[in-house]
Amino acid sequence: MNSDSTSPLDNAPEDIKLAVDLIYLLESNEIDPKVALSALEMVKKDLEAKLKQ
């Protein structure tokens, strides 16, 4: 493999990169999907509130 090669994610939008990182974090820590979804809903509500400020 060439050292100049890039990952397909290198040019991906920031939200895609973050989603991949979050999925990896959840899976590598064996977080129950129901717990993850509940936590993500809390995060979503928090971020939406910050956007309204």
PDB file of N, CA and C in Angstrom:
ATOM      1  N   MET A   1       0.837  -1.182   0.000  1.00  0.00           N
ATOM      2  CA  MET A   1       0.000   0.000   0.000  1.00  0.00           C
ATOM      3  C   MET A   1       0.877   1.239   0.000  1.00  0.00           C
ATOM      4  N   ASN A   2       0.498   2.204  -0.762  1.00  0.00           N
ATOM      5  CA  ASN A   2       1.241   3.439  -0.903  1.00  0.00           C
ATOM      6  C   ASN A   2       1.045   4.310   0.328  1.00  0.00           C
ATOM      7  N   SER A   3       2.101   4.919   0.820  1.00  0.00           N
ATOM      8  CA  SER A   3       2.012   5.772   2.008  1.00  0.00           C
ATOM      9  C   SER A   3       1.215   7.042   1.718  1.00  0.00           C
ATOM     10  N   ASP A   4       1.031   7.370   0.426  1.00  0.00           N
ATOM     11  CA  ASP A   4       0.252   8.549   0.060  1.00  0.00           C
ATOM     12  C   ASP A   4      -1.238   8.246  -0.044  1.00  0.00           C
ATOM     13  N   SER A   5      -1.617   6.990   0.180  1.00  0.00           N
ATOM     14  CA  SER A   5      -3.027   6.636   0.054  1.00  0.00           C
ATOM     15  C   SER A   5      -3.830   7.274   1.178  1.00  0.00           C
ATOM     16  N   THR A   6      -5.087   7.515   0.875  1.00  0.00           N
ATOM     17  CA  THR A   6      -5.956   8.144   1.859  1.00  0.00           C
ATOM     18  C   THR A   6      -7.133   7.238   2.156  1.00  0.00           C
ATOM     19  N   SER A   7      -7.700   7.442   3.321  1.00  0.00           N
ATOM     20  CA  SER A   7      -8.907   6.727   3.707  1.00  0.00           C
ATOM     21  C   SER A   7     -10.085   7.385   3.007  1.00  0.00           C
ATOM     22  N   PRO A   8     -11.109   6.608   2.685  1.00  0.00           N
ATOM     23  CA  PRO A   8     -12.303   7.223   2.091  1.00  0.00           C
ATOM     24  C   PRO A   8     -12.907   8.292   3.004  1.00  0.00           C
ATOM     25  N   LEU A   9     -12.645   8.174   4.306  1.00  0.00           N
ATOM     26  CA  LEU A   9     -13.184   9.154   5.245  1.00  0.00           C
ATOM     27  C   LEU A   9     -12.406  10.464   5.272  1.00  0.00           C
ATOM     28  N   ASP A  10     -11.212  10.457   4.742  1.00  0.00           N
ATOM     29  CA  ASP A  10     -10.388  11.668   4.783  1.00  0.00           C
ATOM     30  C   ASP A  10     -11.093  12.871   4.155  1.00  0.00           C
ATOM     31  N   ASN A  11     -11.849  12.620   3.100  1.00  0.00           N
ATOM     32  CA  ASN A  11     -12.527  13.710   2.407  1.00  0.00           C
ATOM     33  C   ASN A  11     -14.017  13.765   2.715  1.00  0.00           C
ATOM     34  N   ALA A  12     -14.449  12.975   3.685  1.00  0.00           N
ATOM     35  CA  ALA A  12     -15.862  12.954   4.049  1.00  0.00           C
ATOM     36  C   ALA A  12     -16.222  14.215   4.828  1.00  0.00           C
ATOM     37  N   PRO A  13     -17.501  14.589   4.783  1.00  0.00           N
ATOM     38  CA  PRO A  13     -17.937  15.741   5.588  1.00  0.00           C
ATOM     39  C   PRO A  13     -17.715  15.469   7.073  1.00  0.00           C
ATOM     40  N   GLU A  14     -17.577  16.545   7.843  1.00  0.00           N
ATOM     41  CA  GLU A  14     -17.291  16.420   9.275  1.00  0.00           C
ATOM     42  C   GLU A  14     -18.359  15.623  10.015  1.00  0.00           C
ATOM     43  N   ASP A  15     -19.640  15.772   9.612  1.00  0.00           N
ATOM     44  CA  ASP A  15     -20.685  15.038  10.324  1.00  0.00           C
ATOM     45  C   ASP A  15     -20.567  13.528  10.105  1.00  0.00           C
ATOM     46  N   ILE A  16     -20.129  13.122   8.920  1.00  0.00           N
ATOM     47  CA  ILE A  16     -19.926  11.697   8.645  1.00  0.00           C
ATOM     48  C   ILE A  16     -18.772  11.173   9.491  1.00  0.00           C
ATOM     49  N   LYS A  17     -17.685  11.928   9.549  1.00  0.00           N
ATOM     50  CA  LYS A  17     -16.533  11.511  10.362  1.00  0.00           C
ATOM     51  C   LYS A  17     -16.930  11.357  11.827  1.00  0.00           C
ATOM     52  N   LEU A  18     -17.713  12.312  12.330  1.00  0.00           N
ATOM     53  CA  LEU A  18     -18.151  12.250  13.724  1.00  0.00           C
ATOM     54  C   LEU A  18     -19.057  11.047  13.949  1.00  0.00           C
ATOM     55  N   ALA A  19     -19.972  10.790  13.026  1.00  0.00           N
ATOM     56  CA  ALA A  19     -20.863   9.644  13.159  1.00  0.00           C
ATOM     57  C   ALA A  19     -20.074   8.336  13.211  1.00  0.00           C
ATOM     58  N   VAL A  20     -19.089   8.198  12.351  1.00  0.00           N
ATOM     59  CA  VAL A  20     -18.260   6.992  12.344  1.00  0.00           C
ATOM     60  C   VAL A  20     -17.516   6.852  13.666  1.00  0.00           C
ATOM     61  N   ASP A  21     -16.970   7.959  14.170  1.00  0.00           N
ATOM     62  CA  ASP A  21     -16.267   7.933  15.457  1.00  0.00           C
ATOM     63  C   ASP A  21     -17.206   7.530  16.596  1.00  0.00           C
ATOM     64  N   LEU A  22     -18.409   8.075  16.595  1.00  0.00           N
ATOM     65  CA  LEU A  22     -19.369   7.750  17.644  1.00  0.00           C
ATOM     66  C   LEU A  22     -19.799   6.287  17.586  1.00  0.00           C
ATOM     67  N   ILE A  23     -20.049   5.788  16.383  1.00  0.00           N
ATOM     68  CA  ILE A  23     -20.413   4.377  16.222  1.00  0.00           C
ATOM     69  C   ILE A  23     -19.286   3.491  16.731  1.00  0.00           C
ATOM     70  N   TYR A  24     -18.059   3.828  16.373  1.00  0.00           N
ATOM     71  CA  TYR A  24     -16.912   3.050  16.841  1.00  0.00           C
ATOM     72  C   TYR A  24     -16.823   3.070  18.366  1.00  0.00           C
ATOM     73  N   LEU A  25     -16.992   4.249  18.953  1.00  0.00           N
ATOM     74  CA  LEU A  25     -16.925   4.391  20.409  1.00  0.00           C
ATOM     75  C   LEU A  25     -17.990   3.540  21.092  1.00  0.00           C
ATOM     76  N   LEU A  26     -19.205   3.609  20.594  1.00  0.00           N
ATOM     77  CA  LEU A  26     -20.295   2.833  21.193  1.00  0.00           C
ATOM     78  C   LEU A  26     -20.076   1.334  21.049  1.00  0.00           C
ATOM     79  N   GLU A  27     -19.679   0.905  19.856  1.00  0.00           N
ATOM     80  CA  GLU A  27     -19.473  -0.521  19.620  1.00  0.00           C
ATOM     81  C   GLU A  27     -18.261  -1.058  20.374  1.00  0.00           C
ATOM     82  N   SER A  28     -17.179  -0.295  20.408  1.00  0.00           N
ATOM     83  CA  SER A  28     -15.969  -0.790  21.070  1.00  0.00           C
ATOM     84  C   SER A  28     -16.156  -0.874  22.582  1.00  0.00           C
ATOM     85  N   ASN A  29     -17.095  -0.081  23.115  1.00  0.00           N
ATOM     86  CA  ASN A  29     -17.391  -0.137  24.545  1.00  0.00           C
ATOM     87  C   ASN A  29     -18.615  -0.998  24.843  1.00  0.00           C
ATOM     88  N   GLU A  30     -19.100  -1.683  23.815  1.00  0.00           N
ATOM     89  CA  GLU A  30     -20.226  -2.610  23.937  1.00  0.00           C
ATOM     90  C   GLU A  30     -21.423  -1.974  24.652  1.00  0.00           C
ATOM     91  N   ILE A  31     -21.749  -0.751  24.242  1.00  0.00           N
ATOM     92  CA  ILE A  31     -22.886  -0.038  24.800  1.00  0.00           C
ATOM     93  C   ILE A  31     -24.173  -0.622  24.208  1.00  0.00           C
ATOM     94  N   ASP A  32     -25.117  -0.935  25.092  1.00  0.00           N
ATOM     95  CA  ASP A  32     -26.401  -1.465  24.648  1.00  0.00           C
ATOM     96  C   ASP A  32     -27.060  -0.434  23.721  1.00  0.00           C
ATOM     97  N   PRO A  33     -27.565  -0.878  22.576  1.00  0.00           N
ATOM     98  CA  PRO A  33     -28.174   0.061  21.628  1.00  0.00           C
ATOM     99  C   PRO A  33     -29.302   0.890  22.233  1.00  0.00           C
ATOM    100  N   LYS A  34     -30.096   0.326  23.123  1.00  0.00           N
ATOM    101  CA  LYS A  34     -31.182   1.085  23.752  1.00  0.00           C
ATOM    102  C   LYS A  34     -30.622   2.196  24.632  1.00  0.00           C
ATOM    103  N   VAL A  35     -29.553   1.907  25.350  1.00  0.00           N
ATOM    104  CA  VAL A  35     -28.902   2.914  26.191  1.00  0.00           C
ATOM    105  C   VAL A  35     -28.303   4.001  25.305  1.00  0.00           C
ATOM    106  N   ALA A  36     -27.667   3.600  24.218  1.00  0.00           N
ATOM    107  CA  ALA A  36     -27.048   4.569  23.305  1.00  0.00           C
ATOM    108  C   ALA A  36     -28.096   5.494  22.704  1.00  0.00           C
ATOM    109  N   LEU A  37     -29.223   4.934  22.279  1.00  0.00           N
ATOM    110  CA  LEU A  37     -30.271   5.765  21.684  1.00  0.00           C
ATOM    111  C   LEU A  37     -30.851   6.738  22.699  1.00  0.00           C
ATOM    112  N   SER A  38     -31.031   6.297  23.925  1.00  0.00           N
ATOM    113  CA  SER A  38     -31.532   7.181  24.968  1.00  0.00           C
ATOM    114  C   SER A  38     -30.550   8.320  25.226  1.00  0.00           C
ATOM    115  N   ALA A  39     -29.280   7.985  25.322  1.00  0.00           N
ATOM    116  CA  ALA A  39     -28.252   8.999  25.553  1.00  0.00           C
ATOM    117  C   ALA A  39     -28.168   9.968  24.369  1.00  0.00           C
ATOM    118  N   LEU A  40     -28.259   9.453  23.160  1.00  0.00           N
ATOM    119  CA  LEU A  40     -28.185  10.308  21.977  1.00  0.00           C
ATOM    120  C   LEU A  40     -29.379  11.255  21.901  1.00  0.00           C
ATOM    121  N   GLU A  41     -30.528  10.796  22.348  1.00  0.00           N
ATOM    122  CA  GLU A  41     -31.707  11.676  22.380  1.00  0.00           C
ATOM    123  C   GLU A  41     -31.475  12.831  23.348  1.00  0.00           C
ATOM    124  N   MET A  42     -30.856  12.523  24.491  1.00  0.00           N
ATOM    125  CA  MET A  42     -30.532  13.582  25.461  1.00  0.00           C
ATOM    126  C   MET A  42     -29.543  14.575  24.863  1.00  0.00           C
ATOM    127  N   VAL A  43     -28.537  14.054  24.176  1.00  0.00           N
ATOM    128  CA  VAL A  43     -27.535  14.914  23.532  1.00  0.00           C
ATOM    129  C   VAL A  43     -28.198  15.783  22.470  1.00  0.00           C
ATOM    130  N   LYS A  44     -29.078  15.178  21.681  1.00  0.00           N
ATOM    131  CA  LYS A  44     -29.782  15.923  20.631  1.00  0.00           C
ATOM    132  C   LYS A  44     -30.571  17.077  21.232  1.00  0.00           C
ATOM    133  N   LYS A  45     -31.314  16.816  22.296  1.00  0.00           N
ATOM    134  CA  LYS A  45     -32.112  17.868  22.929  1.00  0.00           C
ATOM    135  C   LYS A  45     -31.217  18.978  23.478  1.00  0.00           C
ATOM    136  N   ASP A  46     -30.107  18.599  24.066  1.00  0.00           N
ATOM    137  CA  ASP A  46     -29.166  19.585  24.601  1.00  0.00           C
ATOM    138  C   ASP A  46     -28.603  20.463  23.487  1.00  0.00           C
ATOM    139  N   LEU A  47     -28.203  19.846  22.399  1.00  0.00           N
ATOM    140  CA  LEU A  47     -27.629  20.618  21.285  1.00  0.00           C
ATOM    141  C   LEU A  47     -28.666  21.504  20.620  1.00  0.00           C
ATOM    142  N   GLU A  48     -29.908  21.005  20.497  1.00  0.00           N
ATOM    143  CA  GLU A  48     -30.964  21.831  19.919  1.00  0.00           C
ATOM    144  C   GLU A  48     -31.237  23.050  20.790  1.00  0.00           C
ATOM    145  N   ALA A  49     -31.199  22.862  22.117  1.00  0.00           N
ATOM    146  CA  ALA A  49     -31.390  23.986  23.037  1.00  0.00           C
ATOM    147  C   ALA A  49     -30.270  25.012  22.871  1.00  0.00           C
ATOM    148  N   LYS A  50     -29.044  24.543  22.688  1.00  0.00           N
ATOM    149  CA  LYS A  50     -27.907  25.454  22.495  1.00  0.00           C
ATOM    150  C   LYS A  50     -28.031  26.240  21.210  1.00  0.00           C
ATOM    151  N   LEU A  51     -28.585  25.619  20.174  1.00  0.00           N
ATOM    152  CA  LEU A  51     -28.765  26.315  18.893  1.00  0.00           C
ATOM    153  C   LEU A  51     -29.782  27.447  19.005  1.00  0.00           C
ATOM    154  N   LYS A  52     -30.725  27.310  19.930  1.00  0.00           N
ATOM    155  CA  LYS A  52     -31.770  28.335  20.093  1.00  0.00           C
ATOM    156  C   LYS A  52     -31.284  29.523  20.909  1.00  0.00           C
ATOM    157  N   GLN A  53     -30.161  29.384  21.587  1.00  0.00           N
ATOM    158  CA  GLN A  53     -29.634  30.472  22.421  1.00  0.00           C
ATOM    159  C   GLN A  53     -29.029  31.581  21.589  1.00  0.00           C
TER     160      GLN A  53
END
